Amino acid sequence: MSDLNNLPELSSDYQLSKEQIQQFQEKGHIKLNQVASSDEVAVYRSIIGEKVKELNYHDKPIEERDTYGKAFT
């Protein structure tokens, strides 16, 4: 696991266009390209993956889960 006291900072501004803001307001989500560098993504991917495994309450194999259980793995 990465040193949680030495993580890349994710506080820089990211300019959004009026179209992106409108799309977010209409759809509730947007895709933002190049928000984080490849190095930042690599560090946080492992941390997030570990947390997902820790909080995963499913004990059945995915083939045995209902649609809802398959959707939120």
PDB file of N, CA and C in Angstrom:
ATOM      1  N   MET A   1       0.842  -1.186   0.000  1.00  0.00           N
ATOM      2  CA  MET A   1       0.000   0.000   0.000  1.00  0.00           C
ATOM      3  C   MET A   1       0.878   1.236   0.000  1.00  0.00           C
ATOM      4  N   SER A   2       0.418   2.273  -0.653  1.00  0.00           N
ATOM      5  CA  SER A   2       1.163   3.526  -0.726  1.00  0.00           C
ATOM      6  C   SER A   2       1.176   4.220   0.625  1.00  0.00           C
ATOM      7  N   ASP A   3       2.181   5.043   0.843  1.00  0.00           N
ATOM      8  CA  ASP A   3       2.265   5.858   2.053  1.00  0.00           C
ATOM      9  C   ASP A   3       1.199   6.940   1.971  1.00  0.00           C
ATOM     10  N   LEU A   4       0.174   6.841   2.816  1.00  0.00           N
ATOM     11  CA  LEU A   4      -0.948   7.776   2.755  1.00  0.00           C
ATOM     12  C   LEU A   4      -0.560   9.184   3.166  1.00  0.00           C
ATOM     13  N   ASN A   5       0.608   9.353   3.767  1.00  0.00           N
ATOM     14  CA  ASN A   5       1.067  10.688   4.148  1.00  0.00           C
ATOM     15  C   ASN A   5       1.877  11.354   3.036  1.00  0.00           C
ATOM     16  N   ASN A   6       2.122  10.622   1.962  1.00  0.00           N
ATOM     17  CA  ASN A   6       2.961  11.131   0.887  1.00  0.00           C
ATOM     18  C   ASN A   6       2.281  10.956  -0.475  1.00  0.00           C
ATOM     19  N   LEU A   7       0.999  11.316  -0.538  1.00  0.00           N
ATOM     20  CA  LEU A   7       0.246  11.167  -1.780  1.00  0.00           C
ATOM     21  C   LEU A   7       0.352  12.427  -2.634  1.00  0.00           C
ATOM     22  N   PRO A   8       0.229  12.263  -3.953  1.00  0.00           N
ATOM     23  CA  PRO A   8       0.188  13.449  -4.807  1.00  0.00           C
ATOM     24  C   PRO A   8      -1.016  14.307  -4.446  1.00  0.00           C
ATOM     25  N   GLU A   9      -0.833  15.594  -4.458  1.00  0.00           N
ATOM     26  CA  GLU A   9      -1.925  16.514  -4.144  1.00  0.00           C
ATOM     27  C   GLU A   9      -2.834  16.657  -5.355  1.00  0.00           C
ATOM     28  N   LEU A  10      -4.115  16.638  -5.111  1.00  0.00           N
ATOM     29  CA  LEU A  10      -5.099  16.750  -6.192  1.00  0.00           C
ATOM     30  C   LEU A  10      -5.931  18.016  -6.014  1.00  0.00           C
ATOM     31  N   SER A  11      -5.259  19.142  -5.865  1.00  0.00           N
ATOM     32  CA  SER A  11      -5.988  20.368  -5.569  1.00  0.00           C
ATOM     33  C   SER A  11      -5.861  21.439  -6.651  1.00  0.00           C
ATOM     34  N   SER A  12      -5.267  21.113  -7.776  1.00  0.00           N
ATOM     35  CA  SER A  12      -5.140  22.127  -8.823  1.00  0.00           C
ATOM     36  C   SER A  12      -6.489  22.373  -9.496  1.00  0.00           C
ATOM     37  N   ASP A  13      -6.654  23.571 -10.020  1.00  0.00           N
ATOM     38  CA  ASP A  13      -7.898  23.940 -10.689  1.00  0.00           C
ATOM     39  C   ASP A  13      -8.018  23.219 -12.026  1.00  0.00           C
ATOM     40  N   TYR A  14      -9.241  22.986 -12.449  1.00  0.00           N
ATOM     41  CA  TYR A  14      -9.531  22.369 -13.738  1.00  0.00           C
ATOM     42  C   TYR A  14     -10.650  23.190 -14.365  1.00  0.00           C
ATOM     43  N   GLN A  15     -10.342  23.854 -15.445  1.00  0.00           N
ATOM     44  CA  GLN A  15     -11.287  24.756 -16.105  1.00  0.00           C
ATOM     45  C   GLN A  15     -12.384  23.954 -16.803  1.00  0.00           C
ATOM     46  N   LEU A  16     -13.621  24.307 -16.543  1.00  0.00           N
ATOM     47  CA  LEU A  16     -14.768  23.679 -17.200  1.00  0.00           C
ATOM     48  C   LEU A  16     -15.405  24.665 -18.169  1.00  0.00           C
ATOM     49  N   SER A  17     -15.820  24.147 -19.317  1.00  0.00           N
ATOM     50  CA  SER A  17     -16.520  24.993 -20.284  1.00  0.00           C
ATOM     51  C   SER A  17     -17.991  25.119 -19.869  1.00  0.00           C
ATOM     52  N   LYS A  18     -18.666  26.076 -20.451  1.00  0.00           N
ATOM     53  CA  LYS A  18     -20.101  26.234 -20.193  1.00  0.00           C
ATOM     54  C   LYS A  18     -20.852  24.985 -20.625  1.00  0.00           C
ATOM     55  N   GLU A  19     -20.398  24.370 -21.723  1.00  0.00           N
ATOM     56  CA  GLU A  19     -21.036  23.151 -22.216  1.00  0.00           C
ATOM     57  C   GLU A  19     -20.876  22.004 -21.223  1.00  0.00           C
ATOM     58  N   GLN A  20     -19.688  21.880 -20.625  1.00  0.00           N
ATOM     59  CA  GLN A  20     -19.462  20.823 -19.641  1.00  0.00           C
ATOM     60  C   GLN A  20     -20.345  21.031 -18.408  1.00  0.00           C
ATOM     61  N   ILE A  21     -20.449  22.249 -17.959  1.00  0.00           N
ATOM     62  CA  ILE A  21     -21.295  22.558 -16.799  1.00  0.00           C
ATOM     63  C   ILE A  21     -22.748  22.241 -17.118  1.00  0.00           C
ATOM     64  N   GLN A  22     -23.198  22.640 -18.297  1.00  0.00           N
ATOM     65  CA  GLN A  22     -24.576  22.375 -18.703  1.00  0.00           C
ATOM     66  C   GLN A  22     -24.828  20.866 -18.787  1.00  0.00           C
ATOM     67  N   GLN A  23     -23.888  20.132 -19.384  1.00  0.00           N
ATOM     68  CA  GLN A  23     -24.047  18.680 -19.492  1.00  0.00           C
ATOM     69  C   GLN A  23     -24.127  18.048 -18.106  1.00  0.00           C
ATOM     70  N   PHE A  24     -23.292  18.512 -17.171  1.00  0.00           N
ATOM     71  CA  PHE A  24     -23.337  17.980 -15.811  1.00  0.00           C
ATOM     72  C   PHE A  24     -24.694  18.266 -15.168  1.00  0.00           C
ATOM     73  N   GLN A  25     -25.182  19.460 -15.351  1.00  0.00           N
ATOM     74  CA  GLN A  25     -26.472  19.826 -14.761  1.00  0.00           C
ATOM     75  C   GLN A  25     -27.615  19.008 -15.354  1.00  0.00           C
ATOM     76  N   GLU A  26     -27.511  18.667 -16.628  1.00  0.00           N
ATOM     77  CA  GLU A  26     -28.565  17.900 -17.294  1.00  0.00           C
ATOM     78  C   GLU A  26     -28.470  16.405 -17.001  1.00  0.00           C
ATOM     79  N   LYS A  27     -27.252  15.869 -17.021  1.00  0.00           N
ATOM     80  CA  LYS A  27     -27.074  14.416 -16.930  1.00  0.00           C
ATOM     81  C   LYS A  27     -26.544  13.937 -15.579  1.00  0.00           C
ATOM     82  N   GLY A  28     -25.977  14.833 -14.797  1.00  0.00           N
ATOM     83  CA  GLY A  28     -25.455  14.447 -13.494  1.00  0.00           C
ATOM     84  C   GLY A  28     -24.048  13.892 -13.512  1.00  0.00           C
ATOM     85  N   HIS A  29     -23.435  13.876 -14.693  1.00  0.00           N
ATOM     86  CA  HIS A  29     -22.047  13.411 -14.793  1.00  0.00           C
ATOM     87  C   HIS A  29     -21.428  13.955 -16.087  1.00  0.00           C
ATOM     88  N   ILE A  30     -20.113  14.036 -16.109  1.00  0.00           N
ATOM     89  CA  ILE A  30     -19.369  14.370 -17.326  1.00  0.00           C
ATOM     90  C   ILE A  30     -18.037  13.643 -17.281  1.00  0.00           C
ATOM     91  N   LYS A  31     -17.429  13.488 -18.433  1.00  0.00           N
ATOM     92  CA  LYS A  31     -16.099  12.902 -18.523  1.00  0.00           C
ATOM     93  C   LYS A  31     -15.091  14.043 -18.583  1.00  0.00           C
ATOM     94  N   LEU A  32     -14.110  14.002 -17.698  1.00  0.00           N
ATOM     95  CA  LEU A  32     -13.071  15.020 -17.671  1.00  0.00           C
ATOM     96  C   LEU A  32     -11.745  14.377 -18.063  1.00  0.00           C
ATOM     97  N   ASN A  33     -11.179  14.824 -19.163  1.00  0.00           N
ATOM     98  CA  ASN A  33      -9.907  14.279 -19.637  1.00  0.00           C
ATOM     99  C   ASN A  33      -8.730  14.994 -18.988  1.00  0.00           C
ATOM    100  N   GLN A  34      -7.666  14.253 -18.722  1.00  0.00           N
ATOM    101  CA  GLN A  34      -6.401  14.800 -18.222  1.00  0.00           C
ATOM    102  C   GLN A  34      -6.533  15.540 -16.891  1.00  0.00           C
ATOM    103  N   VAL A  35      -7.438  15.085 -16.027  1.00  0.00           N
ATOM    104  CA  VAL A  35      -7.599  15.701 -14.708  1.00  0.00           C
ATOM    105  C   VAL A  35      -6.412  15.349 -13.823  1.00  0.00           C
ATOM    106  N   ALA A  36      -5.935  14.134 -13.941  1.00  0.00           N
ATOM    107  CA  ALA A  36      -4.799  13.669 -13.147  1.00  0.00           C
ATOM    108  C   ALA A  36      -3.749  13.083 -14.077  1.00  0.00           C
ATOM    109  N   SER A  37      -2.508  13.165 -13.662  1.00  0.00           N
ATOM    110  CA  SER A  37      -1.419  12.597 -14.463  1.00  0.00           C
ATOM    111  C   SER A  37      -1.433  11.071 -14.344  1.00  0.00           C
ATOM    112  N   SER A  38      -0.721  10.413 -15.220  1.00  0.00           N
ATOM    113  CA  SER A  38      -0.620   8.951 -15.171  1.00  0.00           C
ATOM    114  C   SER A  38      -0.045   8.483 -13.839  1.00  0.00           C
ATOM    115  N   ASP A  39       0.930   9.204 -13.323  1.00  0.00           N
ATOM    116  CA  ASP A  39       1.524   8.845 -12.027  1.00  0.00           C
ATOM    117  C   ASP A  39       0.511   8.975 -10.898  1.00  0.00           C
ATOM    118  N   GLU A  40      -0.275  10.052 -10.915  1.00  0.00           N
ATOM    119  CA  GLU A  40      -1.302  10.242  -9.883  1.00  0.00           C
ATOM    120  C   GLU A  40      -2.347   9.134  -9.952  1.00  0.00           C
ATOM    121  N   VAL A  41      -2.774   8.813 -11.151  1.00  0.00           N
ATOM    122  CA  VAL A  41      -3.761   7.752 -11.333  1.00  0.00           C
ATOM    123  C   VAL A  41      -3.213   6.425 -10.807  1.00  0.00           C
ATOM    124  N   ALA A  42      -1.977   6.129 -11.108  1.00  0.00           N
ATOM    125  CA  ALA A  42      -1.374   4.869 -10.656  1.00  0.00           C
ATOM    126  C   ALA A  42      -1.366   4.766  -9.139  1.00  0.00           C
ATOM    127  N   VAL A  43      -1.012   5.843  -8.467  1.00  0.00           N
ATOM    128  CA  VAL A  43      -0.975   5.840  -7.000  1.00  0.00           C
ATOM    129  C   VAL A  43      -2.369   5.648  -6.429  1.00  0.00           C
ATOM    130  N   TYR A  44      -3.314   6.435  -6.894  1.00  0.00           N
ATOM    131  CA  TYR A  44      -4.664   6.379  -6.334  1.00  0.00           C
ATOM    132  C   TYR A  44      -5.420   5.122  -6.754  1.00  0.00           C
ATOM    133  N   ARG A  45      -5.112   4.554  -7.919  1.00  0.00           N
ATOM    134  CA  ARG A  45      -5.784   3.329  -8.370  1.00  0.00           C
ATOM    135  C   ARG A  45      -5.586   2.214  -7.357  1.00  0.00           C
ATOM    136  N   SER A  46      -4.369   2.039  -6.889  1.00  0.00           N
ATOM    137  CA  SER A  46      -4.114   0.957  -5.939  1.00  0.00           C
ATOM    138  C   SER A  46      -4.802   1.219  -4.602  1.00  0.00           C
ATOM    139  N   ILE A  47      -4.811   2.464  -4.152  1.00  0.00           N
ATOM    140  CA  ILE A  47      -5.456   2.807  -2.876  1.00  0.00           C
ATOM    141  C   ILE A  47      -6.967   2.595  -2.974  1.00  0.00           C
ATOM    142  N   ILE A  48      -7.559   3.069  -4.055  1.00  0.00           N
ATOM    143  CA  ILE A  48      -9.007   2.910  -4.232  1.00  0.00           C
ATOM    144  C   ILE A  48      -9.361   1.435  -4.382  1.00  0.00           C
ATOM    145  N   GLY A  49      -8.565   0.703  -5.141  1.00  0.00           N
ATOM    146  CA  GLY A  49      -8.809  -0.734  -5.314  1.00  0.00           C
ATOM    147  C   GLY A  49      -8.767  -1.490  -3.995  1.00  0.00           C
ATOM    148  N   GLU A  50      -7.810  -1.161  -3.157  1.00  0.00           N
ATOM    149  CA  GLU A  50      -7.713  -1.807  -1.847  1.00  0.00           C
ATOM    150  C   GLU A  50      -8.934  -1.481  -0.985  1.00  0.00           C
ATOM    151  N   LYS A  51      -9.389  -0.249  -1.030  1.00  0.00           N
ATOM    152  CA  LYS A  51     -10.550   0.159  -0.231  1.00  0.00           C
ATOM    153  C   LYS A  51     -11.815  -0.526  -0.736  1.00  0.00           C
ATOM    154  N   VAL A  52     -11.959  -0.656  -2.043  1.00  0.00           N
ATOM    155  CA  VAL A  52     -13.116  -1.344  -2.613  1.00  0.00           C
ATOM    156  C   VAL A  52     -13.142  -2.792  -2.135  1.00  0.00           C
ATOM    157  N   LYS A  53     -12.004  -3.467  -2.171  1.00  0.00           N
ATOM    158  CA  LYS A  53     -11.942  -4.853  -1.694  1.00  0.00           C
ATOM    159  C   LYS A  53     -12.306  -4.931  -0.216  1.00  0.00           C
ATOM    160  N   GLU A  54     -11.824  -3.994   0.558  1.00  0.00           N
ATOM    161  CA  GLU A  54     -12.099  -3.970   1.995  1.00  0.00           C
ATOM    162  C   GLU A  54     -13.587  -3.800   2.280  1.00  0.00           C
ATOM    163  N   LEU A  55     -14.257  -2.961   1.501  1.00  0.00           N
ATOM    164  CA  LEU A  55     -15.655  -2.640   1.758  1.00  0.00           C
ATOM    165  C   LEU A  55     -16.641  -3.526   0.995  1.00  0.00           C
ATOM    166  N   ASN A  56     -16.131  -4.430   0.164  1.00  0.00           N
ATOM    167  CA  ASN A  56     -16.991  -5.299  -0.627  1.00  0.00           C
ATOM    168  C   ASN A  56     -17.652  -6.324   0.286  1.00  0.00           C
ATOM    169  N   TYR A  57     -18.962  -6.277   0.354  1.00  0.00           N
ATOM    170  CA  TYR A  57     -19.693  -7.185   1.227  1.00  0.00           C
ATOM    171  C   TYR A  57     -20.221  -8.420   0.496  1.00  0.00           C
ATOM    172  N   HIS A  58     -19.997  -8.531  -0.800  1.00  0.00           N
ATOM    173  CA  HIS A  58     -20.495  -9.677  -1.562  1.00  0.00           C
ATOM    174  C   HIS A  58     -19.646 -10.899  -1.257  1.00  0.00           C
ATOM    175  N   ASP A  59     -20.306 -11.987  -0.970  1.00  0.00           N
ATOM    176  CA  ASP A  59     -19.576 -13.221  -0.726  1.00  0.00           C
ATOM    177  C   ASP A  59     -19.878 -14.286  -1.770  1.00  0.00           C
ATOM    178  N   LYS A  60     -20.766 -13.976  -2.715  1.00  0.00           N
ATOM    179  CA  LYS A  60     -21.098 -14.909  -3.787  1.00  0.00           C
ATOM    180  C   LYS A  60     -20.257 -14.588  -5.023  1.00  0.00           C
ATOM    181  N   PRO A  61     -19.912 -15.605  -5.792  1.00  0.00           N
ATOM    182  CA  PRO A  61     -19.261 -15.328  -7.087  1.00  0.00           C
ATOM    183  C   PRO A  61     -20.206 -14.498  -7.953  1.00  0.00           C
ATOM    184  N   ILE A  62     -19.651 -13.712  -8.833  1.00  0.00           N
ATOM    185  CA  ILE A  62     -20.468 -12.801  -9.640  1.00  0.00           C
ATOM    186  C   ILE A  62     -21.537 -13.530 -10.448  1.00  0.00           C
ATOM    187  N   GLU A  63     -21.249 -14.753 -10.877  1.00  0.00           N
ATOM    188  CA  GLU A  63     -22.223 -15.517 -11.669  1.00  0.00           C
ATOM    189  C   GLU A  63     -23.484 -15.841 -10.862  1.00  0.00           C
ATOM    190  N   GLU A  64     -23.373 -15.874  -9.548  1.00  0.00           N
ATOM    191  CA  GLU A  64     -24.503 -16.226  -8.692  1.00  0.00           C
ATOM    192  C   GLU A  64     -25.257 -15.005  -8.160  1.00  0.00           C
ATOM    193  N   ARG A  65     -24.823 -13.817  -8.505  1.00  0.00           N
ATOM    194  CA  ARG A  65     -25.464 -12.602  -7.997  1.00  0.00           C
ATOM    195  C   ARG A  65     -26.626 -12.179  -8.876  1.00  0.00           C
ATOM    196  N   ASP A  66     -27.572 -11.450  -8.284  1.00  0.00           N
ATOM    197  CA  ASP A  66     -28.663 -10.890  -9.070  1.00  0.00           C
ATOM    198  C   ASP A  66     -28.130  -9.680  -9.847  1.00  0.00           C
ATOM    199  N   THR A  67     -28.975  -9.074 -10.652  1.00  0.00           N
ATOM    200  CA  THR A  67     -28.555  -7.951 -11.499  1.00  0.00           C
ATOM    201  C   THR A  67     -27.983  -6.805 -10.673  1.00  0.00           C
ATOM    202  N   TYR A  68     -28.634  -6.477  -9.569  1.00  0.00           N
ATOM    203  CA  TYR A  68     -28.143  -5.391  -8.709  1.00  0.00           C
ATOM    204  C   TYR A  68     -26.767  -5.737  -8.160  1.00  0.00           C
ATOM    205  N   GLY A  69     -26.580  -6.937  -7.709  1.00  0.00           N
ATOM    206  CA  GLY A  69     -25.292  -7.367  -7.163  1.00  0.00           C
ATOM    207  C   GLY A  69     -24.183  -7.380  -8.192  1.00  0.00           C
ATOM    208  N   LYS A  70     -24.545  -7.630  -9.456  1.00  0.00           N
ATOM    209  CA  LYS A  70     -23.550  -7.596 -10.526  1.00  0.00           C
ATOM    210  C   LYS A  70     -23.185  -6.165 -10.909  1.00  0.00           C
ATOM    211  N   ALA A  71     -24.135  -5.262 -10.765  1.00  0.00           N
ATOM    212  CA  ALA A  71     -23.922  -3.892 -11.207  1.00  0.00           C
ATOM    213  C   ALA A  71     -22.962  -3.145 -10.299  1.00  0.00           C
ATOM    214  N   PHE A  72     -22.926  -3.466  -9.030  1.00  0.00           N
ATOM    215  CA  PHE A  72     -22.127  -2.719  -8.071  1.00  0.00           C
ATOM    216  C   PHE A  72     -21.040  -3.599  -7.465  1.00  0.00           C
ATOM    217  N   THR A  73     -20.090  -3.971  -8.299  1.00  0.00           N
ATOM    218  CA  THR A  73     -18.978  -4.796  -7.820  1.00  0.00           C
ATOM    219  C   THR A  73     -17.774  -3.959  -7.513  1.00  0.00           C
TER     220      THR A  73
END
